[in-house]
Structure formats: C-alpha cells, structure tokens
Amino acid sequence: MNIQFKIPTDKEFQQICGYIHEFELDNRVLLRSEFTAAFLNNELVGFARLREHYNCIELCSLGVVIPNRRQGIGRGIVKELINKMSESIYLVCIIPEFFSPFGFNVVNKYPAPIQDKLDYCLNELIVPETYVVMKLLK
C-alpha cells in the first residue's frame, strides 16, 4: 500500500473537519497547518494532527475514513508524525494498546495543556472506555 502524506489543501481540510465531527474527535482550535493527511490513490483515507502547545506537543484528532480502517493506515500516520518530531509527544486516548507498539507509555505526570485535554475528553467526549495519557520520549 503506497500512502502519501501531506498538509491538506483547504478543500481537503474541510473534509477532515467533517470527519472530525462525524468521528466525535477533538474539534477545538483546528488549524490546517497542524494536520497531516494520508492519501491512497489521491483519495483522503486518514488524518491526524500534531498540536503545538506552549510547552509540549500533542498527537490528536487521529482518524481513518471508515471503509479504509484495519488496513494499517492509522499506524502509517502515527509513524509519519513520530518521524517528523524530535521532541517528546503526548496524547490522550482510550486505546493505549494501539499506541504502545510505537513506544508510547501511560504516564501520570504531564503538562497543563494535556490535563486540559484530559478534562475536555472526560467532560465532552464521554465514552465507556477509560481515558489515559501517554507519552513518547524522543
């Protein structure tokens, strides 16, 4: 599978925003420049963003278009974003087993913006699973 990664165009970003709403992902302060989009045969198949806070980087808003799930696209996007960064990356998730193979570990100490994200998830993105904070040391 030959996936291409790039910053989305304005039109592609609007598609991503629609998927973020549909998938009930974090839709706060969406900036096109923070996103990496994944394309297969010139079709948008997934996306994620590296959100830059004043004191840390957060991987968030990871999504794969439903017909393209379970094909390694999400893993490809995470690998691409990890390779872009030379500093540690945090994330808040309900599927730590997905992120562990990349070197992310559950942590109990994290910067204030990540606590804010955790609070947002617990209060606005309510799911039956347990949210955890993970960190990838670089």
C-alpha atoms as a PDB file:
ATOM      1  CA  MET A   1       0.000   0.000   0.000  1.00  0.00           C
ATOM      2  CA  ASN A   2       1.543   3.283  -1.126  1.00  0.00           C
ATOM      3  CA  ILE A   3       0.218   6.016   1.155  1.00  0.00           C
ATOM      4  CA  GLN A   4       1.184   9.637   0.510  1.00  0.00           C
ATOM      5  CA  PHE A   5       1.265  12.156   3.361  1.00  0.00           C
ATOM      6  CA  LYS A   6       0.886  15.922   3.080  1.00  0.00           C
ATOM      7  CA  ILE A   7      -0.614  19.002   4.673  1.00  0.00           C
ATOM      8  CA  PRO A   8      -4.197  19.112   3.390  1.00  0.00           C
ATOM      9  CA  THR A   9      -5.459  21.762   0.974  1.00  0.00           C
ATOM     10  CA  ASP A  10      -8.326  23.983   2.140  1.00  0.00           C
ATOM     11  CA  LYS A  11     -10.849  21.689   0.444  1.00  0.00           C
ATOM     12  CA  GLU A  12      -9.281  18.571   1.977  1.00  0.00           C
ATOM     13  CA  PHE A  13      -9.190  20.283   5.357  1.00  0.00           C
ATOM     14  CA  GLN A  14     -12.946  20.874   5.129  1.00  0.00           C
ATOM     15  CA  GLN A  15     -13.364  17.126   4.516  1.00  0.00           C
ATOM     16  CA  ILE A  16     -11.206  16.406   7.555  1.00  0.00           C
ATOM     17  CA  CYS A  17     -13.287  18.779   9.693  1.00  0.00           C
ATOM     18  CA  GLY A  18     -16.394  16.854   8.610  1.00  0.00           C
ATOM     19  CA  TYR A  19     -14.801  13.560   9.624  1.00  0.00           C
ATOM     20  CA  ILE A  20     -13.689  15.038  12.967  1.00  0.00           C
ATOM     21  CA  HIS A  21     -17.321  15.926  13.661  1.00  0.00           C
ATOM     22  CA  GLU A  22     -18.573  12.527  12.436  1.00  0.00           C
ATOM     23  CA  PHE A  23     -15.998  10.572  14.472  1.00  0.00           C
ATOM     24  CA  GLU A  24     -16.526  12.819  17.550  1.00  0.00           C
ATOM     25  CA  LEU A  25     -12.855  13.781  17.796  1.00  0.00           C
ATOM     26  CA  ASP A  26     -11.360  16.889  19.423  1.00  0.00           C
ATOM     27  CA  ASN A  27     -12.627  19.779  17.299  1.00  0.00           C
ATOM     28  CA  ARG A  28     -11.105  22.647  19.277  1.00  0.00           C
ATOM     29  CA  VAL A  29      -8.865  25.183  17.530  1.00  0.00           C
ATOM     30  CA  LEU A  30      -8.481  23.279  14.271  1.00  0.00           C
ATOM     31  CA  LEU A  31      -5.558  24.627  12.226  1.00  0.00           C
ATOM     32  CA  ARG A  32      -4.964  23.187   8.772  1.00  0.00           C
ATOM     33  CA  SER A  33      -1.193  23.600   9.155  1.00  0.00           C
ATOM     34  CA  GLU A  34      -1.114  21.191  12.134  1.00  0.00           C
ATOM     35  CA  PHE A  35      -2.650  18.330  10.155  1.00  0.00           C
ATOM     36  CA  THR A  36      -1.055  15.575   8.156  1.00  0.00           C
ATOM     37  CA  ALA A  37      -3.432  13.891   5.728  1.00  0.00           C
ATOM     38  CA  ALA A  38      -2.994  10.408   4.292  1.00  0.00           C
ATOM     39  CA  PHE A  39      -3.930   9.679   0.676  1.00  0.00           C
ATOM     40  CA  LEU A  40      -4.267   6.420  -1.193  1.00  0.00           C
ATOM     41  CA  ASN A  41      -4.713   6.770  -4.967  1.00  0.00           C
ATOM     42  CA  ASN A  42      -5.289  10.526  -4.431  1.00  0.00           C
ATOM     43  CA  GLU A  43      -8.204   9.816  -2.064  1.00  0.00           C
ATOM     44  CA  LEU A  44      -8.222  11.073   1.538  1.00  0.00           C
ATOM     45  CA  VAL A  45      -8.105   7.991   3.774  1.00  0.00           C
ATOM     46  CA  GLY A  46      -6.926   9.357   7.128  1.00  0.00           C
ATOM     47  CA  PHE A  47      -5.506  12.245   9.109  1.00  0.00           C
ATOM     48  CA  ALA A  48      -4.028  13.386  12.407  1.00  0.00           C
ATOM     49  CA  ARG A  49      -2.520  16.494  13.879  1.00  0.00           C
ATOM     50  CA  LEU A  50       0.435  17.491  15.939  1.00  0.00           C
ATOM     51  CA  ARG A  51      -0.935  20.264  18.127  1.00  0.00           C
ATOM     52  CA  GLU A  52       1.736  22.585  19.430  1.00  0.00           C
ATOM     53  CA  HIS A  53       1.078  23.851  22.940  1.00  0.00           C
ATOM     54  CA  TYR A  54       3.357  26.362  24.664  1.00  0.00           C
ATOM     55  CA  ASN A  55       5.257  23.618  26.496  1.00  0.00           C
ATOM     56  CA  CYS A  56       4.537  20.332  24.721  1.00  0.00           C
ATOM     57  CA  ILE A  57       3.408  18.601  21.524  1.00  0.00           C
ATOM     58  CA  GLU A  58       0.182  16.606  21.395  1.00  0.00           C
ATOM     59  CA  LEU A  59      -0.763  13.982  18.836  1.00  0.00           C
ATOM     60  CA  CYS A  60      -4.540  14.202  18.440  1.00  0.00           C
ATOM     61  CA  SER A  61      -7.537  14.038  16.121  1.00  0.00           C
ATOM     62  CA  LEU A  62      -6.350  10.766  14.567  1.00  0.00           C
ATOM     63  CA  GLY A  63      -8.953   9.339  12.214  1.00  0.00           C
ATOM     64  CA  VAL A  64      -9.215   6.862   9.376  1.00  0.00           C
ATOM     65  CA  VAL A  65     -12.110   7.011   6.918  1.00  0.00           C
ATOM     66  CA  ILE A  66     -14.409   4.082   7.786  1.00  0.00           C
ATOM     67  CA  PRO A  67     -14.060   1.964   4.587  1.00  0.00           C
ATOM     68  CA  ASN A  68     -10.259   2.201   4.931  1.00  0.00           C
ATOM     69  CA  ARG A  69      -9.957   1.051   8.546  1.00  0.00           C
ATOM     70  CA  ARG A  70      -7.971  -2.012   9.629  1.00  0.00           C
ATOM     71  CA  GLN A  71      -5.529  -1.669   6.729  1.00  0.00           C
ATOM     72  CA  GLY A  72      -2.582  -0.132   8.578  1.00  0.00           C
ATOM     73  CA  ILE A  73      -3.383   3.466   7.623  1.00  0.00           C
ATOM     74  CA  GLY A  74      -3.637   4.672  11.233  1.00  0.00           C
ATOM     75  CA  ARG A  75      -0.300   3.028  12.036  1.00  0.00           C
ATOM     76  CA  GLY A  76       1.228   4.659   8.961  1.00  0.00           C
ATOM     77  CA  ILE A  77       0.005   8.092  10.020  1.00  0.00           C
ATOM     78  CA  VAL A  78       1.369   7.684  13.560  1.00  0.00           C
ATOM     79  CA  LYS A  79       4.766   6.556  12.213  1.00  0.00           C
ATOM     80  CA  GLU A  80       4.851   9.561   9.858  1.00  0.00           C
ATOM     81  CA  LEU A  81       4.111  12.007  12.694  1.00  0.00           C
ATOM     82  CA  ILE A  82       6.622  10.397  15.054  1.00  0.00           C
ATOM     83  CA  ASN A  83       9.311  10.660  12.367  1.00  0.00           C
ATOM     84  CA  LYS A  84       8.576  14.392  11.967  1.00  0.00           C
ATOM     85  CA  MET A  85       9.246  15.165  15.621  1.00  0.00           C
ATOM     86  CA  SER A  86      12.497  15.408  17.518  1.00  0.00           C
ATOM     87  CA  GLU A  87      10.835  16.022  20.880  1.00  0.00           C
ATOM     88  CA  SER A  88       8.511  14.071  23.147  1.00  0.00           C
ATOM     89  CA  ILE A  89       4.878  13.664  22.133  1.00  0.00           C
ATOM     90  CA  TYR A  90       1.841  13.336  24.402  1.00  0.00           C
ATOM     91  CA  LEU A  91      -1.615  12.008  23.629  1.00  0.00           C
ATOM     92  CA  VAL A  92      -4.878  11.289  25.396  1.00  0.00           C
ATOM     93  CA  CYS A  93      -6.622   8.119  24.251  1.00  0.00           C
ATOM     94  CA  ILE A  94      -8.888   5.194  25.047  1.00  0.00           C
ATOM     95  CA  ILE A  95      -6.832   2.648  23.075  1.00  0.00           C
ATOM     96  CA  PRO A  96      -3.375   2.533  24.682  1.00  0.00           C
ATOM     97  CA  GLU A  97      -2.742  -0.891  23.129  1.00  0.00           C
ATOM     98  CA  PHE A  98      -2.731   0.788  19.689  1.00  0.00           C
ATOM     99  CA  PHE A  99      -0.057   3.319  20.684  1.00  0.00           C
ATOM    100  CA  SER A 100       2.183   1.121  22.895  1.00  0.00           C
ATOM    101  CA  PRO A 101       3.980  -0.574  19.955  1.00  0.00           C
ATOM    102  CA  PHE A 102       5.217   2.869  18.835  1.00  0.00           C
ATOM    103  CA  GLY A 103       6.899   3.438  22.209  1.00  0.00           C
ATOM    104  CA  PHE A 104       4.158   5.437  23.938  1.00  0.00           C
ATOM    105  CA  ASN A 105       3.787   4.717  27.650  1.00  0.00           C
ATOM    106  CA  VAL A 106       0.993   5.603  30.059  1.00  0.00           C
ATOM    107  CA  VAL A 107       2.108   8.452  32.332  1.00  0.00           C
ATOM    108  CA  ASN A 108       0.634  10.085  35.413  1.00  0.00           C
ATOM    109  CA  LYS A 109       2.548  13.379  35.209  1.00  0.00           C
ATOM    110  CA  TYR A 110       2.024  15.682  32.245  1.00  0.00           C
ATOM    111  CA  PRO A 111       1.883  19.389  31.329  1.00  0.00           C
ATOM    112  CA  ALA A 112      -1.178  21.578  31.953  1.00  0.00           C
ATOM    113  CA  PRO A 113      -2.370  21.572  28.301  1.00  0.00           C
ATOM    114  CA  ILE A 114      -2.565  17.772  28.428  1.00  0.00           C
ATOM    115  CA  GLN A 115      -4.528  17.938  31.684  1.00  0.00           C
ATOM    116  CA  ASP A 116      -6.855  20.361  29.899  1.00  0.00           C
ATOM    117  CA  LYS A 117      -7.251  17.836  27.051  1.00  0.00           C
ATOM    118  CA  LEU A 118      -7.962  15.027  29.523  1.00  0.00           C
ATOM    119  CA  ASP A 119     -10.578  17.173  31.283  1.00  0.00           C
ATOM    120  CA  TYR A 120     -12.148  18.023  27.901  1.00  0.00           C
ATOM    121  CA  CYS A 121     -12.339  14.346  26.961  1.00  0.00           C
ATOM    122  CA  LEU A 122     -13.791  13.323  30.312  1.00  0.00           C
ATOM    123  CA  ASN A 123     -16.444  16.055  30.202  1.00  0.00           C
ATOM    124  CA  GLU A 124     -17.242  16.425  26.483  1.00  0.00           C
ATOM    125  CA  LEU A 125     -16.212  13.236  24.675  1.00  0.00           C
ATOM    126  CA  ILE A 126     -17.808  10.767  27.063  1.00  0.00           C
ATOM    127  CA  VAL A 127     -17.198   7.098  26.248  1.00  0.00           C
ATOM    128  CA  PRO A 128     -17.444   3.876  28.292  1.00  0.00           C
ATOM    129  CA  GLU A 129     -13.680   3.245  27.969  1.00  0.00           C
ATOM    130  CA  THR A 130     -11.106   4.784  30.296  1.00  0.00           C
ATOM    131  CA  TYR A 131      -9.011   7.699  29.052  1.00  0.00           C
ATOM    132  CA  VAL A 132      -5.263   7.565  29.648  1.00  0.00           C
ATOM    133  CA  VAL A 133      -2.409   9.968  28.957  1.00  0.00           C
ATOM    134  CA  MET A 134       0.558   8.554  27.072  1.00  0.00           C
ATOM    135  CA  LYS A 135       3.979   9.951  26.250  1.00  0.00           C
ATOM    136  CA  LEU A 136       6.580   9.044  23.664  1.00  0.00           C
ATOM    137  CA  LEU A 137      10.065  10.011  24.764  1.00  0.00           C
ATOM    138  CA  LYS A 138      12.328  11.239  21.970  1.00  0.00           C
END
